[in-house]
Amino acid sequence: MNNYGDMKITEEEGNYIHIVFTTKSMRFNDDVELLFDLTLKQIYYRSASRIGYRDNGLNKQRYQDIKKAYLDNL
């Protein structure tokens, strides 16, 4: 996840994590919320940019990388 710029975990409780990613180039903040369902082996993922609408596929790639890392570590 560090490949996407600075990141700061702002909340972590049980299987829930809220992370703020700051993009390298424009220094935009993206809020990402993750809820890990260990029983169903699923991730509930929510991502929201604070500014703008386009991200050149960054959020999708970030999600795919998180999902892969999660599934690889089950």
C-alpha atoms as a PDB file:
ATOM      1  CA  MET A   1       0.000   0.000   0.000  1.00  0.00           C
ATOM      2  CA  ASN A   2       2.926   2.331   0.493  1.00  0.00           C
ATOM      3  CA  ASN A   3       3.372   2.504  -3.302  1.00  0.00           C
ATOM      4  CA  TYR A   4       0.414   4.885  -3.498  1.00  0.00           C
ATOM      5  CA  GLY A   5       1.975   7.738  -1.576  1.00  0.00           C
ATOM      6  CA  ASP A   6       1.863   8.595   2.056  1.00  0.00           C
ATOM      7  CA  MET A   7      -0.651   6.741   4.153  1.00  0.00           C
ATOM      8  CA  LYS A   8      -1.923   7.214   7.658  1.00  0.00           C
ATOM      9  CA  ILE A   9      -4.161   4.833   9.565  1.00  0.00           C
ATOM     10  CA  THR A  10      -6.672   7.089  11.290  1.00  0.00           C
ATOM     11  CA  GLU A  11      -8.816   4.394  12.874  1.00  0.00           C
ATOM     12  CA  GLU A  12      -8.330   0.705  13.516  1.00  0.00           C
ATOM     13  CA  GLU A  13     -10.809  -1.311  15.513  1.00  0.00           C
ATOM     14  CA  GLY A  14     -11.233  -5.057  15.241  1.00  0.00           C
ATOM     15  CA  ASN A  15     -11.561  -5.935  11.558  1.00  0.00           C
ATOM     16  CA  TYR A  16     -12.118  -2.291  10.488  1.00  0.00           C
ATOM     17  CA  ILE A  17      -9.428   0.091   9.228  1.00  0.00           C
ATOM     18  CA  HIS A  18      -9.724   3.680   7.987  1.00  0.00           C
ATOM     19  CA  ILE A  19      -6.695   4.874   6.027  1.00  0.00           C
ATOM     20  CA  VAL A  20      -5.987   8.253   4.465  1.00  0.00           C
ATOM     21  CA  PHE A  21      -3.736   7.996   1.409  1.00  0.00           C
ATOM     22  CA  THR A  22      -2.017  11.114   0.090  1.00  0.00           C
ATOM     23  CA  THR A  23      -1.094  10.872  -3.588  1.00  0.00           C
ATOM     24  CA  LYS A  24       2.513  11.506  -4.542  1.00  0.00           C
ATOM     25  CA  SER A  25       2.069  13.930  -7.390  1.00  0.00           C
ATOM     26  CA  MET A  26      -0.802  16.240  -6.450  1.00  0.00           C
ATOM     27  CA  ARG A  27      -0.944  15.583  -2.680  1.00  0.00           C
ATOM     28  CA  PHE A  28      -4.677  14.739  -2.808  1.00  0.00           C
ATOM     29  CA  ASN A  29      -6.208  12.829   0.101  1.00  0.00           C
ATOM     30  CA  ASP A  30      -8.214   9.656  -0.476  1.00  0.00           C
ATOM     31  CA  ASP A  31     -10.162   8.056   2.350  1.00  0.00           C
ATOM     32  CA  VAL A  32     -10.202   4.261   2.263  1.00  0.00           C
ATOM     33  CA  GLU A  33     -12.247   2.133   4.622  1.00  0.00           C
ATOM     34  CA  LEU A  34     -11.718  -1.611   4.898  1.00  0.00           C
ATOM     35  CA  LEU A  35     -13.804  -4.157   6.737  1.00  0.00           C
ATOM     36  CA  PHE A  36     -12.382  -7.675   6.759  1.00  0.00           C
ATOM     37  CA  ASP A  37     -14.919 -10.496   7.062  1.00  0.00           C
ATOM     38  CA  LEU A  38     -12.763 -13.388   8.196  1.00  0.00           C
ATOM     39  CA  THR A  39     -15.643 -15.872   8.153  1.00  0.00           C
ATOM     40  CA  LEU A  40     -16.598 -15.230   4.532  1.00  0.00           C
ATOM     41  CA  LYS A  41     -13.019 -14.324   3.510  1.00  0.00           C
ATOM     42  CA  GLN A  42     -14.184 -11.041   1.988  1.00  0.00           C
ATOM     43  CA  ILE A  43     -13.118  -7.431   2.121  1.00  0.00           C
ATOM     44  CA  TYR A  44     -15.654  -4.644   2.150  1.00  0.00           C
ATOM     45  CA  TYR A  45     -13.912  -1.677   0.573  1.00  0.00           C
ATOM     46  CA  ARG A  46     -14.946   1.959   0.329  1.00  0.00           C
ATOM     47  CA  SER A  47     -12.817   4.640  -1.244  1.00  0.00           C
ATOM     48  CA  ALA A  48     -13.619   8.331  -1.579  1.00  0.00           C
ATOM     49  CA  SER A  49     -11.535  11.161  -2.951  1.00  0.00           C
ATOM     50  CA  ARG A  50     -11.818  14.401  -1.049  1.00  0.00           C
ATOM     51  CA  ILE A  51     -11.204  16.448  -4.207  1.00  0.00           C
ATOM     52  CA  GLY A  52     -11.884  15.629  -7.839  1.00  0.00           C
ATOM     53  CA  TYR A  53     -13.426  12.769  -9.738  1.00  0.00           C
ATOM     54  CA  ARG A  54     -10.636  11.182 -11.780  1.00  0.00           C
ATOM     55  CA  ASP A  55      -7.845   9.118 -10.388  1.00  0.00           C
ATOM     56  CA  ASN A  56      -6.457   7.411 -13.512  1.00  0.00           C
ATOM     57  CA  GLY A  57      -7.388   4.004 -12.115  1.00  0.00           C
ATOM     58  CA  LEU A  58      -5.446   4.475  -8.876  1.00  0.00           C
ATOM     59  CA  ASN A  59      -8.279   3.451  -6.534  1.00  0.00           C
ATOM     60  CA  LYS A  60      -9.066   0.339  -8.566  1.00  0.00           C
ATOM     61  CA  GLN A  61      -5.407  -0.715  -8.607  1.00  0.00           C
ATOM     62  CA  ARG A  62      -5.066   0.021  -4.882  1.00  0.00           C
ATOM     63  CA  TYR A  63      -8.118  -2.175  -4.179  1.00  0.00           C
ATOM     64  CA  GLN A  64      -6.778  -5.023  -6.329  1.00  0.00           C
ATOM     65  CA  ASP A  65      -3.429  -4.896  -4.534  1.00  0.00           C
ATOM     66  CA  ILE A  66      -5.076  -4.913  -1.090  1.00  0.00           C
ATOM     67  CA  LYS A  67      -7.328  -7.802  -2.118  1.00  0.00           C
ATOM     68  CA  LYS A  68      -4.386  -9.820  -3.457  1.00  0.00           C
ATOM     69  CA  ALA A  69      -2.324  -9.238  -0.314  1.00  0.00           C
ATOM     70  CA  TYR A  70      -5.300 -10.248   1.854  1.00  0.00           C
ATOM     71  CA  LEU A  71      -6.018 -13.445  -0.074  1.00  0.00           C
ATOM     72  CA  ASP A  72      -2.319 -14.371  -0.237  1.00  0.00           C
ATOM     73  CA  ASN A  73      -2.129 -14.195   3.575  1.00  0.00           C
ATOM     74  CA  LEU A  74      -5.184 -16.307   4.412  1.00  0.00           C
END
